[in-house]
Amino acid sequence: MRLFALLIVLTIFLDPVNTKAATITNFGGQIVGMITCTCNVIPSWVLYVRDVRYQAPLPLVYYTGVTILHKMYQPRPAVNSLGNYVPGAGICLIYSGNSCFTLPSIGYMFNLGTSMSIGK
């Protein structure tokens, strides 16, 4: 089931027939928040990264098994992070009452590297 869901996500985001290349944007900063996407088929979270360029939280979707996670393997609040994301892609669905709604995000994380401990 997970493999099937992963193939669907990869087909949507990495369509080989589409001639447009996906734009990848870099980010870096401290993870300041995290929300679980309870309705997504693939376990995923929206991580809020306080980007050093904008000094504002960037809502980015982290997909387990799709996002390439590098050392120190800690996608959690209070650690520093560095990576890149695909703008405009990435969906986080959250259960509310008897249906699911979409949590806004600016893209999904393609690569994510984290620090070993809490950054100051």
N, C-alpha and C. Protein backbone atom coordinates (compact mmCIF):
# COMPACT_ATOMS: atom_id res chain seq x y z
N MET A 1 0.82 -1.19 0.00
CA MET A 1 0.00 0.00 0.00
C MET A 1 0.87 1.26 0.00
N ARG A 2 1.92 1.26 0.84
CA ARG A 2 2.80 2.43 0.89
C ARG A 2 3.54 2.62 -0.42
N LEU A 3 3.94 1.52 -1.02
CA LEU A 3 4.64 1.62 -2.31
C LEU A 3 3.72 2.22 -3.36
N PHE A 4 2.46 1.80 -3.37
CA PHE A 4 1.49 2.34 -4.31
C PHE A 4 1.30 3.83 -4.10
N ALA A 5 1.18 4.27 -2.84
CA ALA A 5 1.01 5.70 -2.54
C ALA A 5 2.25 6.48 -2.94
N LEU A 6 3.43 5.92 -2.71
CA LEU A 6 4.67 6.58 -3.10
C LEU A 6 4.74 6.75 -4.62
N LEU A 7 4.32 5.73 -5.36
CA LEU A 7 4.33 5.82 -6.81
C LEU A 7 3.36 6.89 -7.31
N ILE A 8 2.23 7.02 -6.66
CA ILE A 8 1.27 8.07 -7.05
C ILE A 8 1.88 9.44 -6.82
N VAL A 9 2.49 9.65 -5.66
CA VAL A 9 3.09 10.95 -5.36
C VAL A 9 4.21 11.26 -6.34
N LEU A 10 5.06 10.29 -6.61
CA LEU A 10 6.16 10.51 -7.55
C LEU A 10 5.64 10.79 -8.96
N THR A 11 4.57 10.12 -9.35
CA THR A 11 3.99 10.36 -10.67
C THR A 11 3.45 11.78 -10.78
N ILE A 12 2.81 12.25 -9.72
CA ILE A 12 2.24 13.59 -9.72
C ILE A 12 3.34 14.65 -9.77
N PHE A 13 4.35 14.51 -8.92
CA PHE A 13 5.36 15.55 -8.77
C PHE A 13 6.53 15.44 -9.75
N LEU A 14 6.83 14.24 -10.20
CA LEU A 14 7.98 14.04 -11.07
C LEU A 14 7.54 13.46 -12.41
N ASP A 15 6.58 14.06 -13.03
CA ASP A 15 6.00 13.60 -14.28
C ASP A 15 7.04 13.68 -15.40
N PRO A 16 7.51 12.53 -15.94
CA PRO A 16 8.53 12.57 -16.97
C PRO A 16 8.02 13.09 -18.31
N VAL A 17 6.71 13.09 -18.54
CA VAL A 17 6.14 13.57 -19.79
C VAL A 17 6.12 15.10 -19.82
N ASN A 18 6.00 15.71 -18.65
CA ASN A 18 5.96 17.17 -18.56
C ASN A 18 7.31 17.74 -18.96
N THR A 19 7.33 18.68 -19.90
CA THR A 19 8.59 19.23 -20.38
C THR A 19 9.12 20.35 -19.50
N LYS A 20 8.30 20.88 -18.61
CA LYS A 20 8.76 21.93 -17.72
C LYS A 20 9.57 21.32 -16.58
N ALA A 21 10.72 21.90 -16.30
CA ALA A 21 11.53 21.43 -15.18
C ALA A 21 11.01 22.04 -13.89
N ALA A 22 10.97 21.24 -12.84
CA ALA A 22 10.52 21.74 -11.55
C ALA A 22 11.58 22.68 -10.97
N THR A 23 11.13 23.79 -10.46
CA THR A 23 12.04 24.74 -9.82
C THR A 23 12.29 24.27 -8.40
N ILE A 24 13.54 24.22 -8.01
CA ILE A 24 13.89 23.82 -6.65
C ILE A 24 14.50 25.04 -5.97
N THR A 25 13.99 25.36 -4.77
CA THR A 25 14.42 26.53 -4.02
C THR A 25 15.07 26.09 -2.72
N ASN A 26 16.15 26.74 -2.34
CA ASN A 26 16.85 26.41 -1.10
C ASN A 26 16.23 27.13 0.09
N PHE A 27 16.40 26.53 1.27
CA PHE A 27 15.97 27.16 2.52
C PHE A 27 16.96 26.76 3.61
N GLY A 28 16.94 27.50 4.68
CA GLY A 28 17.78 27.18 5.83
C GLY A 28 17.34 27.97 7.03
N GLY A 29 17.29 27.33 8.17
CA GLY A 29 16.89 28.00 9.40
C GLY A 29 16.41 27.00 10.43
N GLN A 30 15.87 27.53 11.50
CA GLN A 30 15.42 26.70 12.61
C GLN A 30 13.97 26.24 12.38
N ILE A 31 13.69 24.97 12.69
CA ILE A 31 12.33 24.46 12.64
C ILE A 31 11.61 24.96 13.89
N VAL A 32 10.56 25.75 13.69
CA VAL A 32 9.87 26.37 14.83
C VAL A 32 8.50 25.75 15.11
N GLY A 33 8.03 24.88 14.26
CA GLY A 33 6.74 24.24 14.48
C GLY A 33 6.55 23.04 13.59
N MET A 34 5.56 22.20 13.97
CA MET A 34 5.33 20.96 13.24
C MET A 34 3.87 20.55 13.43
N ILE A 35 3.17 20.24 12.33
CA ILE A 35 1.78 19.78 12.39
C ILE A 35 1.67 18.49 11.59
N THR A 36 1.04 17.47 12.17
CA THR A 36 0.86 16.19 11.50
C THR A 36 -0.29 16.27 10.51
N CYS A 37 -0.06 15.75 9.32
CA CYS A 37 -1.10 15.68 8.28
C CYS A 37 -1.86 14.36 8.48
N THR A 38 -2.98 14.43 9.16
CA THR A 38 -3.69 13.22 9.61
C THR A 38 -4.47 12.51 8.51
N CYS A 39 -4.79 13.16 7.40
CA CYS A 39 -5.56 12.52 6.32
C CYS A 39 -4.70 12.07 5.15
N ASN A 40 -3.43 12.38 5.14
CA ASN A 40 -2.57 11.97 4.03
C ASN A 40 -2.33 10.46 4.06
N VAL A 41 -2.22 9.85 2.88
CA VAL A 41 -1.94 8.42 2.79
C VAL A 41 -0.51 8.13 3.25
N ILE A 42 0.43 8.95 2.81
CA ILE A 42 1.82 8.82 3.23
C ILE A 42 1.99 9.62 4.52
N PRO A 43 2.63 9.04 5.56
CA PRO A 43 2.86 9.82 6.78
C PRO A 43 3.62 11.11 6.44
N SER A 44 3.07 12.23 6.85
CA SER A 44 3.68 13.52 6.50
C SER A 44 3.36 14.57 7.55
N TRP A 45 4.16 15.64 7.51
CA TRP A 45 4.03 16.75 8.44
C TRP A 45 4.27 18.05 7.71
N VAL A 46 3.70 19.12 8.23
CA VAL A 46 4.08 20.46 7.78
C VAL A 46 5.08 20.96 8.81
N LEU A 47 6.29 21.25 8.35
CA LEU A 47 7.32 21.81 9.22
C LEU A 47 7.41 23.30 8.93
N TYR A 48 7.39 24.10 9.97
CA TYR A 48 7.53 25.54 9.83
C TYR A 48 8.99 25.90 10.09
N VAL A 49 9.68 26.33 9.03
CA VAL A 49 11.10 26.65 9.11
C VAL A 49 11.25 28.17 9.07
N ARG A 50 11.87 28.75 10.11
CA ARG A 50 12.15 30.19 10.11
C ARG A 50 13.37 30.42 9.23
N ASP A 51 13.11 30.75 7.99
CA ASP A 51 14.17 30.90 6.99
C ASP A 51 15.03 32.12 7.32
N VAL A 52 16.35 31.97 7.20
CA VAL A 52 17.26 33.07 7.55
C VAL A 52 17.15 34.25 6.58
N ARG A 53 16.73 34.00 5.35
CA ARG A 53 16.58 35.10 4.39
C ARG A 53 15.39 35.97 4.70
N TYR A 54 14.26 35.35 5.01
CA TYR A 54 13.02 36.10 5.18
C TYR A 54 12.66 36.38 6.64
N GLN A 55 13.29 35.68 7.57
CA GLN A 55 12.99 35.79 9.00
C GLN A 55 11.50 35.57 9.26
N ALA A 56 10.91 34.68 8.49
CA ALA A 56 9.50 34.33 8.64
C ALA A 56 9.36 32.82 8.47
N PRO A 57 8.39 32.21 9.13
CA PRO A 57 8.21 30.76 9.00
C PRO A 57 7.73 30.37 7.60
N LEU A 58 8.39 29.38 7.02
CA LEU A 58 7.99 28.81 5.73
C LEU A 58 7.28 27.50 6.01
N PRO A 59 5.98 27.35 5.64
CA PRO A 59 5.30 26.07 5.83
C PRO A 59 5.65 25.10 4.70
N LEU A 60 6.42 24.06 5.02
CA LEU A 60 6.89 23.10 4.02
C LEU A 60 6.44 21.69 4.42
N VAL A 61 5.97 20.91 3.44
CA VAL A 61 5.50 19.56 3.71
C VAL A 61 6.68 18.58 3.66
N TYR A 62 6.78 17.75 4.69
CA TYR A 62 7.78 16.69 4.78
C TYR A 62 7.06 15.36 4.60
N TYR A 63 7.39 14.62 3.51
CA TYR A 63 6.80 13.31 3.26
C TYR A 63 7.79 12.22 3.67
N THR A 64 7.36 11.31 4.54
CA THR A 64 8.20 10.18 4.93
C THR A 64 8.43 9.29 3.71
N GLY A 65 9.69 9.00 3.42
CA GLY A 65 10.02 8.14 2.29
C GLY A 65 10.15 8.86 0.96
N VAL A 66 9.69 10.09 0.88
CA VAL A 66 9.81 10.87 -0.35
C VAL A 66 10.88 11.94 -0.17
N THR A 67 10.79 12.68 0.94
CA THR A 67 11.82 13.67 1.27
C THR A 67 13.10 12.93 1.63
N ILE A 68 14.20 13.33 1.03
CA ILE A 68 15.50 12.70 1.32
C ILE A 68 16.04 13.33 2.60
N LEU A 69 16.15 12.53 3.64
CA LEU A 69 16.58 13.02 4.96
C LEU A 69 18.06 12.72 5.16
N HIS A 70 18.83 13.74 5.48
CA HIS A 70 20.28 13.61 5.68
C HIS A 70 20.60 13.75 7.16
N LYS A 71 21.84 13.45 7.53
CA LYS A 71 22.26 13.55 8.92
C LYS A 71 21.86 14.88 9.50
N MET A 72 21.44 14.93 10.64
CA MET A 72 21.36 14.07 11.79
C MET A 72 19.98 13.41 11.96
N TYR A 73 19.19 13.37 10.93
CA TYR A 73 17.93 12.64 10.88
C TYR A 73 16.91 13.08 11.93
N GLN A 74 16.78 14.38 12.19
CA GLN A 74 15.89 14.86 13.23
C GLN A 74 14.94 15.94 12.73
N PRO A 75 13.92 15.59 11.95
CA PRO A 75 12.96 16.62 11.52
C PRO A 75 11.98 16.93 12.65
N ARG A 76 12.40 17.78 13.56
CA ARG A 76 11.58 18.14 14.72
C ARG A 76 11.83 19.60 15.08
N PRO A 77 10.91 20.19 15.85
CA PRO A 77 11.10 21.59 16.24
C PRO A 77 12.37 21.82 17.04
N ALA A 78 12.91 23.01 16.94
CA ALA A 78 14.06 23.53 17.67
C ALA A 78 15.41 23.13 17.10
N VAL A 79 15.46 22.36 16.03
CA VAL A 79 16.76 22.05 15.41
C VAL A 79 16.93 22.91 14.17
N ASN A 80 18.17 23.14 13.80
CA ASN A 80 18.46 23.90 12.58
C ASN A 80 18.37 22.96 11.38
N SER A 81 17.95 23.51 10.26
CA SER A 81 17.78 22.68 9.07
C SER A 81 18.31 23.41 7.85
N LEU A 82 18.62 22.63 6.83
CA LEU A 82 19.09 23.14 5.56
C LEU A 82 18.60 22.18 4.49
N GLY A 83 18.10 22.71 3.39
CA GLY A 83 17.61 21.82 2.35
C GLY A 83 17.05 22.60 1.18
N ASN A 84 16.25 21.89 0.39
CA ASN A 84 15.57 22.54 -0.72
C ASN A 84 14.16 21.99 -0.85
N TYR A 85 13.31 22.76 -1.54
CA TYR A 85 11.91 22.37 -1.69
C TYR A 85 11.42 22.71 -3.08
N VAL A 86 10.32 22.05 -3.46
CA VAL A 86 9.67 22.29 -4.74
C VAL A 86 8.48 23.21 -4.48
N PRO A 87 8.54 24.47 -4.91
CA PRO A 87 7.44 25.40 -4.65
C PRO A 87 6.14 24.99 -5.35
N GLY A 88 5.03 25.25 -4.67
CA GLY A 88 3.72 24.98 -5.25
C GLY A 88 3.25 23.55 -5.14
N ALA A 89 4.14 22.63 -4.82
CA ALA A 89 3.77 21.22 -4.67
C ALA A 89 3.67 20.90 -3.18
N GLY A 90 3.00 19.86 -2.86
CA GLY A 90 2.89 19.44 -1.47
C GLY A 90 1.52 19.74 -0.89
N ILE A 91 0.86 18.70 -0.43
CA ILE A 91 -0.48 18.84 0.13
C ILE A 91 -0.50 18.20 1.50
N CYS A 92 -1.08 18.91 2.46
CA CYS A 92 -1.27 18.38 3.80
C CYS A 92 -2.76 18.44 4.12
N LEU A 93 -3.34 17.26 4.35
CA LEU A 93 -4.75 17.17 4.68
C LEU A 93 -4.90 16.85 6.17
N ILE A 94 -5.77 17.59 6.84
CA ILE A 94 -5.99 17.41 8.28
C ILE A 94 -7.46 17.11 8.53
N TYR A 95 -7.70 16.10 9.37
CA TYR A 95 -9.06 15.70 9.71
C TYR A 95 -9.70 16.73 10.62
N SER A 96 -10.95 17.09 10.31
CA SER A 96 -11.69 18.05 11.12
C SER A 96 -13.17 17.68 11.08
N GLY A 97 -13.68 17.21 12.20
CA GLY A 97 -15.09 16.83 12.25
C GLY A 97 -15.35 15.58 11.45
N ASN A 98 -16.01 15.71 10.29
CA ASN A 98 -16.31 14.54 9.46
C ASN A 98 -15.71 14.65 8.06
N SER A 99 -14.73 15.53 7.89
CA SER A 99 -14.06 15.65 6.60
C SER A 99 -12.62 16.13 6.81
N CYS A 100 -11.90 16.27 5.71
CA CYS A 100 -10.52 16.73 5.76
C CYS A 100 -10.40 18.08 5.06
N PHE A 101 -9.51 18.92 5.56
CA PHE A 101 -9.25 20.19 4.89
C PHE A 101 -7.76 20.32 4.62
N THR A 102 -7.44 21.19 3.67
CA THR A 102 -6.05 21.38 3.25
C THR A 102 -5.38 22.45 4.10
N LEU A 103 -4.23 22.12 4.66
CA LEU A 103 -3.43 23.09 5.40
C LEU A 103 -2.51 23.79 4.39
N PRO A 104 -2.49 25.11 4.37
CA PRO A 104 -1.66 25.81 3.39
C PRO A 104 -0.16 25.51 3.55
N SER A 105 0.51 25.35 2.43
CA SER A 105 1.97 25.17 2.43
C SER A 105 2.50 25.80 1.15
N ILE A 106 3.80 26.10 1.14
CA ILE A 106 4.39 26.71 -0.04
C ILE A 106 5.10 25.70 -0.93
N GLY A 107 5.21 24.43 -0.48
CA GLY A 107 5.86 23.41 -1.27
C GLY A 107 6.20 22.20 -0.43
N TYR A 108 6.82 21.20 -1.07
CA TYR A 108 7.26 20.03 -0.30
C TYR A 108 8.78 19.95 -0.30
N MET A 109 9.31 19.44 0.80
CA MET A 109 10.76 19.32 0.96
C MET A 109 11.28 18.20 0.07
N PHE A 110 12.30 18.51 -0.69
CA PHE A 110 12.95 17.51 -1.54
C PHE A 110 14.13 16.90 -0.79
N ASN A 111 14.95 17.74 -0.18
CA ASN A 111 16.07 17.33 0.67
C ASN A 111 15.97 18.05 1.99
N LEU A 112 16.35 17.37 3.08
CA LEU A 112 16.35 17.99 4.40
C LEU A 112 17.51 17.46 5.22
N GLY A 113 18.37 18.36 5.68
CA GLY A 113 19.43 18.01 6.60
C GLY A 113 19.20 18.77 7.88
N THR A 114 19.45 18.13 9.02
CA THR A 114 19.20 18.78 10.31
C THR A 114 20.45 18.77 11.17
N SER A 115 20.45 19.66 12.18
CA SER A 115 21.57 19.72 13.11
C SER A 115 21.41 18.62 14.16
N MET A 116 22.46 18.43 14.96
CA MET A 116 22.45 17.38 15.96
C MET A 116 21.62 17.76 17.17
N SER A 117 21.58 19.02 17.52
CA SER A 117 20.87 19.41 18.74
C SER A 117 20.16 20.73 18.52
N ILE A 118 19.55 21.21 19.57
CA ILE A 118 18.81 22.45 19.51
C ILE A 118 19.75 23.61 19.15
N GLY A 119 19.35 24.39 18.16
CA GLY A 119 20.14 25.55 17.74
C GLY A 119 19.75 26.80 18.49
N LYS A 120 20.67 27.67 18.68
CA LYS A 120 20.41 28.93 19.39
C LYS A 120 20.44 30.07 18.41
